[in-house]
Structures are given as structure tokens and as C-alpha cells.
Amino acid sequence: MQCLFRHFGPTSPFDAQQRALSRQMVRCRGSFVRDGVPCAAGRPHVPDQRTRPGQVLSLRTAPAGGNAIDTRVGETHRWDLWDTVPAG
């Protein structure tokens, strides 16, 4: 959450890489709110789920591998868990 909302303390808890990632996340979110597309000009392309289902853009700091298209995000974050929740 701190990546999307400014830290209100006297100093930032982020290093330079984390601040850059935070700015990128804020821009993508703002683009989504404004245009319905979560990708600002000059930012990485977000895969279209209609043509590339199961692929998402993973925003990461450079030391963590940088931005990449992730095809295992559902597995990594256990999205299948929600398939077991009864509807209603």
C-alpha cells in the first residue's frame, strides 16, 4: 500500500529503486483511473487479457528482476483458493 500512497512519516522508508517503482505504480494507477488502461506513456505494456489470458505485467524493482510479463502470477499468489469459496 505504501507504494501507491505516500508515506506520511518524516522520511521515506524506500530506497531509490523502491521509490522509482512506487512512482511507476502511481502512474499506472492514475492512467487506469483516467483512461481505463493501466499503463502510462513510456511505461511497460500491460498484456490484453482478451488476447493473452493468464499473462500480467509484474512491476518489480531492478534488483528483483525488473518489470516482466508473468504467466505464473495465479499460481504464485494462490488464486485457485478463490475457486473453492462458495458463491453468494
PDB file of N, CA and C in Angstrom:
ATOM      1  N   MET A   1       0.812  -1.186   0.000  1.00  0.00           N
ATOM      2  CA  MET A   1       0.000   0.000   0.000  1.00  0.00           C
ATOM      3  C   MET A   1       0.864   1.263   0.000  1.00  0.00           C
ATOM      4  N   GLN A   2       2.016   1.186   0.658  1.00  0.00           N
ATOM      5  CA  GLN A   2       2.868   2.366   0.698  1.00  0.00           C
ATOM      6  C   GLN A   2       3.390   2.734  -0.681  1.00  0.00           C
ATOM      7  N   CYS A   3       3.431   1.768  -1.589  1.00  0.00           N
ATOM      8  CA  CYS A   3       3.878   2.076  -2.953  1.00  0.00           C
ATOM      9  C   CYS A   3       2.865   2.946  -3.685  1.00  0.00           C
ATOM     10  N   LEU A   4       1.592   2.809  -3.353  1.00  0.00           N
ATOM     11  CA  LEU A   4       0.548   3.579  -4.040  1.00  0.00           C
ATOM     12  C   LEU A   4       0.168   4.862  -3.321  1.00  0.00           C
ATOM     13  N   PHE A   5       0.384   4.899  -2.028  1.00  0.00           N
ATOM     14  CA  PHE A   5       0.013   6.072  -1.249  1.00  0.00           C
ATOM     15  C   PHE A   5       1.256   6.604  -0.542  1.00  0.00           C
ATOM     16  N   ARG A   6       1.404   7.885  -0.545  1.00  0.00           N
ATOM     17  CA  ARG A   6       2.602   8.491   0.041  1.00  0.00           C
ATOM     18  C   ARG A   6       2.750   8.124   1.513  1.00  0.00           C
ATOM     19  N   HIS A   7       3.981   7.927   1.906  1.00  0.00           N
ATOM     20  CA  HIS A   7       4.309   7.668   3.301  1.00  0.00           C
ATOM     21  C   HIS A   7       4.202   8.990   4.050  1.00  0.00           C
ATOM     22  N   PHE A   8       3.566   9.001   5.189  1.00  0.00           N
ATOM     23  CA  PHE A   8       3.333  10.243   5.903  1.00  0.00           C
ATOM     24  C   PHE A   8       4.349  10.502   7.007  1.00  0.00           C
ATOM     25  N   GLY A   9       5.388   9.695   7.085  1.00  0.00           N
ATOM     26  CA  GLY A   9       6.422   9.898   8.096  1.00  0.00           C
ATOM     27  C   GLY A   9       7.412  10.971   7.676  1.00  0.00           C
ATOM     28  N   PRO A  10       8.330  11.315   8.564  1.00  0.00           N
ATOM     29  CA  PRO A  10       9.300  12.367   8.258  1.00  0.00           C
ATOM     30  C   PRO A  10      10.306  11.968   7.180  1.00  0.00           C
ATOM     31  N   THR A  11      10.539  10.678   7.016  1.00  0.00           N
ATOM     32  CA  THR A  11      11.450  10.201   5.974  1.00  0.00           C
ATOM     33  C   THR A  11      10.798   9.028   5.246  1.00  0.00           C
ATOM     34  N   SER A  12      11.214   8.812   4.029  1.00  0.00           N
ATOM     35  CA  SER A  12      10.680   7.701   3.241  1.00  0.00           C
ATOM     36  C   SER A  12      11.347   6.397   3.669  1.00  0.00           C
ATOM     37  N   PRO A  13      10.567   5.327   3.814  1.00  0.00           N
ATOM     38  CA  PRO A  13      11.161   4.034   4.157  1.00  0.00           C
ATOM     39  C   PRO A  13      11.748   3.333   2.929  1.00  0.00           C
ATOM     40  N   PHE A  14      11.633   3.949   1.737  1.00  0.00           N
ATOM     41  CA  PHE A  14      12.044   3.310   0.495  1.00  0.00           C
ATOM     42  C   PHE A  14      13.450   3.724   0.088  1.00  0.00           C
ATOM     43  N   ASP A  15      14.147   2.804  -0.565  1.00  0.00           N
ATOM     44  CA  ASP A  15      15.411   3.164  -1.198  1.00  0.00           C
ATOM     45  C   ASP A  15      15.095   3.717  -2.591  1.00  0.00           C
ATOM     46  N   ALA A  16      16.103   4.101  -3.351  1.00  0.00           N
ATOM     47  CA  ALA A  16      15.889   4.732  -4.660  1.00  0.00           C
ATOM     48  C   ALA A  16      15.124   3.826  -5.611  1.00  0.00           C
ATOM     49  N   GLN A  17      15.443   2.533  -5.648  1.00  0.00           N
ATOM     50  CA  GLN A  17      14.745   1.587  -6.532  1.00  0.00           C
ATOM     51  C   GLN A  17      13.274   1.474  -6.159  1.00  0.00           C
ATOM     52  N   GLN A  18      12.994   1.415  -4.872  1.00  0.00           N
ATOM     53  CA  GLN A  18      11.615   1.293  -4.413  1.00  0.00           C
ATOM     54  C   GLN A  18      10.820   2.567  -4.690  1.00  0.00           C
ATOM     55  N   ARG A  19      11.458   3.736  -4.578  1.00  0.00           N
ATOM     56  CA  ARG A  19      10.773   4.986  -4.908  1.00  0.00           C
ATOM     57  C   ARG A  19      10.430   5.041  -6.393  1.00  0.00           C
ATOM     58  N   ALA A  20      11.350   4.568  -7.241  1.00  0.00           N
ATOM     59  CA  ALA A  20      11.085   4.542  -8.687  1.00  0.00           C
ATOM     60  C   ALA A  20       9.914   3.610  -8.995  1.00  0.00           C
ATOM     61  N   LEU A  21       9.886   2.449  -8.354  1.00  0.00           N
ATOM     62  CA  LEU A  21       8.786   1.507  -8.542  1.00  0.00           C
ATOM     63  C   LEU A  21       7.471   2.128  -8.062  1.00  0.00           C
ATOM     64  N   SER A  22       7.509   2.811  -6.926  1.00  0.00           N
ATOM     65  CA  SER A  22       6.315   3.463  -6.402  1.00  0.00           C
ATOM     66  C   SER A  22       5.782   4.491  -7.393  1.00  0.00           C
ATOM     67  N   ARG A  23       6.647   5.320  -7.966  1.00  0.00           N
ATOM     68  CA  ARG A  23       6.210   6.304  -8.960  1.00  0.00           C
ATOM     69  C   ARG A  23       5.572   5.620 -10.162  1.00  0.00           C
ATOM     70  N   GLN A  24       6.171   4.516 -10.594  1.00  0.00           N
ATOM     71  CA  GLN A  24       5.635   3.778 -11.736  1.00  0.00           C
ATOM     72  C   GLN A  24       4.247   3.224 -11.412  1.00  0.00           C
ATOM     73  N   MET A  25       4.063   2.681 -10.218  1.00  0.00           N
ATOM     74  CA  MET A  25       2.774   2.126  -9.824  1.00  0.00           C
ATOM     75  C   MET A  25       1.708   3.216  -9.750  1.00  0.00           C
ATOM     76  N   VAL A  26       2.078   4.387  -9.214  1.00  0.00           N
ATOM     77  CA  VAL A  26       1.131   5.502  -9.118  1.00  0.00           C
ATOM     78  C   VAL A  26       0.726   5.956 -10.515  1.00  0.00           C
ATOM     79  N   ARG A  27       1.672   6.048 -11.437  1.00  0.00           N
ATOM     80  CA  ARG A  27       1.355   6.471 -12.804  1.00  0.00           C
ATOM     81  C   ARG A  27       0.433   5.467 -13.495  1.00  0.00           C
ATOM     82  N   CYS A  28       0.700   4.183 -13.316  1.00  0.00           N
ATOM     83  CA  CYS A  28      -0.158   3.162 -13.926  1.00  0.00           C
ATOM     84  C   CYS A  28      -1.565   3.222 -13.352  1.00  0.00           C
ATOM     85  N   ARG A  29      -1.664   3.412 -12.052  1.00  0.00           N
ATOM     86  CA  ARG A  29      -2.979   3.507 -11.414  1.00  0.00           C
ATOM     87  C   ARG A  29      -3.720   4.745 -11.910  1.00  0.00           C
ATOM     88  N   GLY A  30      -3.023   5.870 -11.986  1.00  0.00           N
ATOM     89  CA  GLY A  30      -3.636   7.096 -12.484  1.00  0.00           C
ATOM     90  C   GLY A  30      -4.111   6.951 -13.917  1.00  0.00           C
ATOM     91  N   SER A  31      -3.321   6.264 -14.734  1.00  0.00           N
ATOM     92  CA  SER A  31      -3.700   6.011 -16.120  1.00  0.00           C
ATOM     93  C   SER A  31      -4.969   5.169 -16.179  1.00  0.00           C
ATOM     94  N   PHE A  32      -5.063   4.188 -15.309  1.00  0.00           N
ATOM     95  CA  PHE A  32      -6.247   3.330 -15.289  1.00  0.00           C
ATOM     96  C   PHE A  32      -7.487   4.138 -14.896  1.00  0.00           C
ATOM     97  N   VAL A  33      -7.356   4.983 -13.893  1.00  0.00           N
ATOM     98  CA  VAL A  33      -8.484   5.805 -13.458  1.00  0.00           C
ATOM     99  C   VAL A  33      -8.901   6.771 -14.571  1.00  0.00           C
ATOM    100  N   ARG A  34      -7.924   7.383 -15.222  1.00  0.00           N
ATOM    101  CA  ARG A  34      -8.199   8.390 -16.246  1.00  0.00           C
ATOM    102  C   ARG A  34      -8.695   7.772 -17.544  1.00  0.00           C
ATOM    103  N   ASP A  35      -8.000   6.719 -18.038  1.00  0.00           N
ATOM    104  CA  ASP A  35      -8.256   6.193 -19.379  1.00  0.00           C
ATOM    105  C   ASP A  35      -8.803   4.766 -19.421  1.00  0.00           C
ATOM    106  N   GLY A  36      -8.822   4.085 -18.282  1.00  0.00           N
ATOM    107  CA  GLY A  36      -9.259   2.702 -18.270  1.00  0.00           C
ATOM    108  C   GLY A  36      -8.173   1.732 -18.710  1.00  0.00           C
ATOM    109  N   VAL A  37      -6.964   2.225 -18.900  1.00  0.00           N
ATOM    110  CA  VAL A  37      -5.824   1.392 -19.310  1.00  0.00           C
ATOM    111  C   VAL A  37      -4.717   1.584 -18.282  1.00  0.00           C
ATOM    112  N   PRO A  38      -4.308   0.525 -17.575  1.00  0.00           N
ATOM    113  CA  PRO A  38      -3.324   0.683 -16.504  1.00  0.00           C
ATOM    114  C   PRO A  38      -1.886   0.793 -16.998  1.00  0.00           C
ATOM    115  N   CYS A  39      -1.641   1.727 -17.889  1.00  0.00           N
ATOM    116  CA  CYS A  39      -0.285   1.892 -18.391  1.00  0.00           C
ATOM    117  C   CYS A  39      -0.116   3.311 -18.898  1.00  0.00           C
ATOM    118  N   ALA A  40       0.762   4.059 -18.274  1.00  0.00           N
ATOM    119  CA  ALA A  40       1.015   5.438 -18.680  1.00  0.00           C
ATOM    120  C   ALA A  40       2.028   5.459 -19.818  1.00  0.00           C
ATOM    121  N   ALA A  41       2.070   6.587 -20.520  1.00  0.00           N
ATOM    122  CA  ALA A  41       3.023   6.745 -21.622  1.00  0.00           C
ATOM    123  C   ALA A  41       4.443   6.499 -21.132  1.00  0.00           C
ATOM    124  N   GLY A  42       5.182   5.721 -21.896  1.00  0.00           N
ATOM    125  CA  GLY A  42       6.555   5.419 -21.540  1.00  0.00           C
ATOM    126  C   GLY A  42       6.699   4.297 -20.536  1.00  0.00           C
ATOM    127  N   ARG A  43       5.629   3.729 -20.105  1.00  0.00           N
ATOM    128  CA  ARG A  43       5.657   2.628 -19.126  1.00  0.00           C
ATOM    129  C   ARG A  43       5.527   1.303 -19.870  1.00  0.00           C
ATOM    130  N   PRO A  44       5.836   0.200 -19.210  1.00  0.00           N
ATOM    131  CA  PRO A  44       5.716  -1.114 -19.860  1.00  0.00           C
ATOM    132  C   PRO A  44       4.285  -1.404 -20.305  1.00  0.00           C
ATOM    133  N   HIS A  45       4.156  -2.162 -21.367  1.00  0.00           N
ATOM    134  CA  HIS A  45       2.856  -2.550 -21.911  1.00  0.00           C
ATOM    135  C   HIS A  45       2.189  -3.585 -21.013  1.00  0.00           C
ATOM    136  N   VAL A  46       0.904  -3.412 -20.771  1.00  0.00           N
ATOM    137  CA  VAL A  46       0.123  -4.359 -19.980  1.00  0.00           C
ATOM    138  C   VAL A  46      -0.551  -5.333 -20.939  1.00  0.00           C
ATOM    139  N   PRO A  47      -0.368  -6.646 -20.749  1.00  0.00           N
ATOM    140  CA  PRO A  47      -0.987  -7.621 -21.656  1.00  0.00           C
ATOM    141  C   PRO A  47      -2.509  -7.519 -21.669  1.00  0.00           C
ATOM    142  N   ASP A  48      -3.101  -7.654 -22.836  1.00  0.00           N
ATOM    143  CA  ASP A  48      -4.553  -7.638 -23.008  1.00  0.00           C
ATOM    144  C   ASP A  48      -5.082  -9.027 -22.648  1.00  0.00           C
ATOM    145  N   GLN A  49      -5.902  -9.100 -21.613  1.00  0.00           N
ATOM    146  CA  GLN A  49      -6.408 -10.390 -21.145  1.00  0.00           C
ATOM    147  C   GLN A  49      -7.323 -11.069 -22.164  1.00  0.00           C
ATOM    148  N   ARG A  50      -7.861 -10.302 -23.116  1.00  0.00           N
ATOM    149  CA  ARG A  50      -8.723 -10.908 -24.132  1.00  0.00           C
ATOM    150  C   ARG A  50      -7.899 -11.724 -25.118  1.00  0.00           C
ATOM    151  N   THR A  51      -6.664 -11.277 -25.382  1.00  0.00           N
ATOM    152  CA  THR A  51      -5.833 -11.985 -26.362  1.00  0.00           C
ATOM    153  C   THR A  51      -4.721 -12.797 -25.712  1.00  0.00           C
ATOM    154  N   ARG A  52      -4.375 -12.456 -24.473  1.00  0.00           N
ATOM    155  CA  ARG A  52      -3.320 -13.186 -23.772  1.00  0.00           C
ATOM    156  C   ARG A  52      -3.760 -13.503 -22.345  1.00  0.00           C
ATOM    157  N   PRO A  53      -4.759 -14.354 -22.182  1.00  0.00           N
ATOM    158  CA  PRO A  53      -5.237 -14.657 -20.831  1.00  0.00           C
ATOM    159  C   PRO A  53      -4.129 -15.306 -19.997  1.00  0.00           C
ATOM    160  N   GLY A  54      -4.114 -14.986 -18.737  1.00  0.00           N
ATOM    161  CA  GLY A  54      -3.130 -15.579 -17.834  1.00  0.00           C
ATOM    162  C   GLY A  54      -1.805 -14.856 -17.795  1.00  0.00           C
ATOM    163  N   GLN A  55      -1.660 -13.788 -18.578  1.00  0.00           N
ATOM    164  CA  GLN A  55      -0.420 -13.012 -18.564  1.00  0.00           C
ATOM    165  C   GLN A  55      -0.693 -11.660 -17.915  1.00  0.00           C
ATOM    166  N   VAL A  56       0.146 -11.281 -16.971  1.00  0.00           N
ATOM    167  CA  VAL A  56       0.022  -9.988 -16.318  1.00  0.00           C
ATOM    168  C   VAL A  56       1.380  -9.312 -16.287  1.00  0.00           C
ATOM    169  N   LEU A  57       1.361  -7.997 -16.189  1.00  0.00           N
ATOM    170  CA  LEU A  57       2.598  -7.242 -16.051  1.00  0.00           C
ATOM    171  C   LEU A  57       2.950  -7.195 -14.575  1.00  0.00           C
ATOM    172  N   SER A  58       4.105  -7.699 -14.231  1.00  0.00           N
ATOM    173  CA  SER A  58       4.583  -7.682 -12.858  1.00  0.00           C
ATOM    174  C   SER A  58       5.585  -6.546 -12.720  1.00  0.00           C
ATOM    175  N   LEU A  59       5.262  -5.552 -11.886  1.00  0.00           N
ATOM    176  CA  LEU A  59       6.145  -4.418 -11.653  1.00  0.00           C
ATOM    177  C   LEU A  59       7.062  -4.749 -10.486  1.00  0.00           C
ATOM    178  N   ARG A  60       8.382  -4.724 -10.746  1.00  0.00           N
ATOM    179  CA  ARG A  60       9.356  -5.063  -9.708  1.00  0.00           C
ATOM    180  C   ARG A  60      10.546  -4.125  -9.801  1.00  0.00           C
ATOM    181  N   THR A  61      11.232  -3.968  -8.700  1.00  0.00           N
ATOM    182  CA  THR A  61      12.454  -3.177  -8.703  1.00  0.00           C
ATOM    183  C   THR A  61      13.512  -3.894  -9.538  1.00  0.00           C
ATOM    184  N   ALA A  62      14.508  -3.153  -9.993  1.00  0.00           N
ATOM    185  CA  ALA A  62      15.580  -3.744 -10.802  1.00  0.00           C
ATOM    186  C   ALA A  62      16.286  -4.886 -10.067  1.00  0.00           C
ATOM    187  N   PRO A  63      16.634  -4.742  -8.778  1.00  0.00           N
ATOM    188  CA  PRO A  63      17.284  -5.859  -8.092  1.00  0.00           C
ATOM    189  C   PRO A  63      16.403  -7.113  -8.002  1.00  0.00           C
ATOM    190  N   ALA A  64      15.084  -6.923  -8.082  1.00  0.00           N
ATOM    191  CA  ALA A  64      14.170  -8.069  -8.031  1.00  0.00           C
ATOM    192  C   ALA A  64      13.871  -8.616  -9.422  1.00  0.00           C
ATOM    193  N   GLY A  65      14.607  -8.167 -10.433  1.00  0.00           N
ATOM    194  CA  GLY A  65      14.431  -8.685 -11.783  1.00  0.00           C
ATOM    195  C   GLY A  65      13.775  -7.719 -12.746  1.00  0.00           C
ATOM    196  N   GLY A  66      13.288  -6.590 -12.244  1.00  0.00           N
ATOM    197  CA  GLY A  66      12.662  -5.600 -13.117  1.00  0.00           C
ATOM    198  C   GLY A  66      11.284  -6.030 -13.595  1.00  0.00           C
ATOM    199  N   ASN A  67      10.659  -5.173 -14.368  1.00  0.00           N
ATOM    200  CA  ASN A  67       9.329  -5.453 -14.903  1.00  0.00           C
ATOM    201  C   ASN A  67       9.388  -6.640 -15.845  1.00  0.00           C
ATOM    202  N   ALA A  68       8.350  -7.453 -15.797  1.00  0.00           N
ATOM    203  CA  ALA A  68       8.309  -8.628 -16.663  1.00  0.00           C
ATOM    204  C   ALA A  68       6.874  -9.089 -16.841  1.00  0.00           C
ATOM    205  N   ILE A  69       6.631  -9.799 -17.932  1.00  0.00           N
ATOM    206  CA  ILE A  69       5.340 -10.453 -18.127  1.00  0.00           C
ATOM    207  C   ILE A  69       5.369 -11.730 -17.299  1.00  0.00           C
ATOM    208  N   ASP A  70       4.377 -11.883 -16.457  1.00  0.00           N
ATOM    209  CA  ASP A  70       4.318 -13.027 -15.549  1.00  0.00           C
ATOM    210  C   ASP A  70       3.178 -13.940 -15.990  1.00  0.00           C
ATOM    211  N   THR A  71       3.479 -15.193 -16.219  1.00  0.00           N
ATOM    212  CA  THR A  71       2.451 -16.168 -16.595  1.00  0.00           C
ATOM    213  C   THR A  71       2.091 -17.087 -15.430  1.00  0.00           C
ATOM    214  N   ARG A  72       2.748 -16.899 -14.284  1.00  0.00           N
ATOM    215  CA  ARG A  72       2.511 -17.773 -13.136  1.00  0.00           C
ATOM    216  C   ARG A  72       1.957 -17.025 -11.935  1.00  0.00           C
ATOM    217  N   VAL A  73       1.473 -15.802 -12.147  1.00  0.00           N
ATOM    218  CA  VAL A  73       1.020 -14.999 -11.020  1.00  0.00           C
ATOM    219  C   VAL A  73      -0.117 -15.691 -10.265  1.00  0.00           C
ATOM    220  N   GLY A  74      -1.027 -16.324 -10.965  1.00  0.00           N
ATOM    221  CA  GLY A  74      -2.118 -17.026 -10.298  1.00  0.00           C
ATOM    222  C   GLY A  74      -1.619 -18.143  -9.407  1.00  0.00           C
ATOM    223  N   GLU A  75      -0.646 -18.879  -9.889  1.00  0.00           N
ATOM    224  CA  GLU A  75      -0.047 -19.964  -9.111  1.00  0.00           C
ATOM    225  C   GLU A  75       0.738 -19.401  -7.926  1.00  0.00           C
ATOM    226  N   THR A  76       1.514 -18.371  -8.178  1.00  0.00           N
ATOM    227  CA  THR A  76       2.345 -17.773  -7.134  1.00  0.00           C
ATOM    228  C   THR A  76       1.500 -17.218  -5.996  1.00  0.00           C
ATOM    229  N   HIS A  77       0.370 -16.602  -6.336  1.00  0.00           N
ATOM    230  CA  HIS A  77      -0.468 -15.956  -5.330  1.00  0.00           C
ATOM    231  C   HIS A  77      -1.685 -16.787  -4.937  1.00  0.00           C
ATOM    232  N   ARG A  78      -1.704 -18.048  -5.365  1.00  0.00           N
ATOM    233  CA  ARG A  78      -2.755 -18.997  -4.977  1.00  0.00           C
ATOM    234  C   ARG A  78      -4.158 -18.522  -5.322  1.00  0.00           C
ATOM    235  N   TRP A  79      -4.339 -18.025  -6.559  1.00  0.00           N
ATOM    236  CA  TRP A  79      -5.661 -17.583  -6.989  1.00  0.00           C
ATOM    237  C   TRP A  79      -6.672 -18.718  -6.982  1.00  0.00           C
ATOM    238  N   ASP A  80      -6.206 -19.958  -7.103  1.00  0.00           N
ATOM    239  CA  ASP A  80      -7.116 -21.105  -7.096  1.00  0.00           C
ATOM    240  C   ASP A  80      -7.880 -21.206  -5.775  1.00  0.00           C
ATOM    241  N   LEU A  81      -7.362 -20.613  -4.731  1.00  0.00           N
ATOM    242  CA  LEU A  81      -8.041 -20.613  -3.439  1.00  0.00           C
ATOM    243  C   LEU A  81      -9.453 -20.060  -3.577  1.00  0.00           C
ATOM    244  N   TRP A  82      -9.615 -19.008  -4.395  1.00  0.00           N
ATOM    245  CA  TRP A  82     -10.923 -18.362  -4.531  1.00  0.00           C
ATOM    246  C   TRP A  82     -11.907 -19.221  -5.299  1.00  0.00           C
ATOM    247  N   ASP A  83     -11.421 -20.214  -6.052  1.00  0.00           N
ATOM    248  CA  ASP A  83     -12.315 -21.132  -6.757  1.00  0.00           C
ATOM    249  C   ASP A  83     -13.061 -22.037  -5.777  1.00  0.00           C
ATOM    250  N   THR A  84     -12.545 -22.179  -4.552  1.00  0.00           N
ATOM    251  CA  THR A  84     -13.160 -23.053  -3.565  1.00  0.00           C
ATOM    252  C   THR A  84     -14.179 -22.336  -2.680  1.00  0.00           C
ATOM    253  N   VAL A  85     -14.245 -21.003  -2.799  1.00  0.00           N
ATOM    254  CA  VAL A  85     -15.178 -20.230  -1.987  1.00  0.00           C
ATOM    255  C   VAL A  85     -16.576 -20.314  -2.602  1.00  0.00           C
ATOM    256  N   PRO A  86     -17.577 -20.725  -1.811  1.00  0.00           N
ATOM    257  CA  PRO A  86     -18.934 -20.816  -2.342  1.00  0.00           C
ATOM    258  C   PRO A  86     -19.457 -19.448  -2.786  1.00  0.00           C
ATOM    259  N   ALA A  87     -20.190 -19.426  -3.879  1.00  0.00           N
ATOM    260  CA  ALA A  87     -20.793 -18.173  -4.371  1.00  0.00           C
ATOM    261  C   ALA A  87     -21.911 -17.748  -3.438  1.00  0.00           C
ATOM    262  N   GLY A  88     -22.096 -16.437  -3.327  1.00  0.00           N
ATOM    263  CA  GLY A  88     -23.215 -15.915  -2.545  1.00  0.00           C
ATOM    264  C   GLY A  88     -22.853 -15.722  -1.173  1.00  0.00           C
TER     265      GLY A  88
END
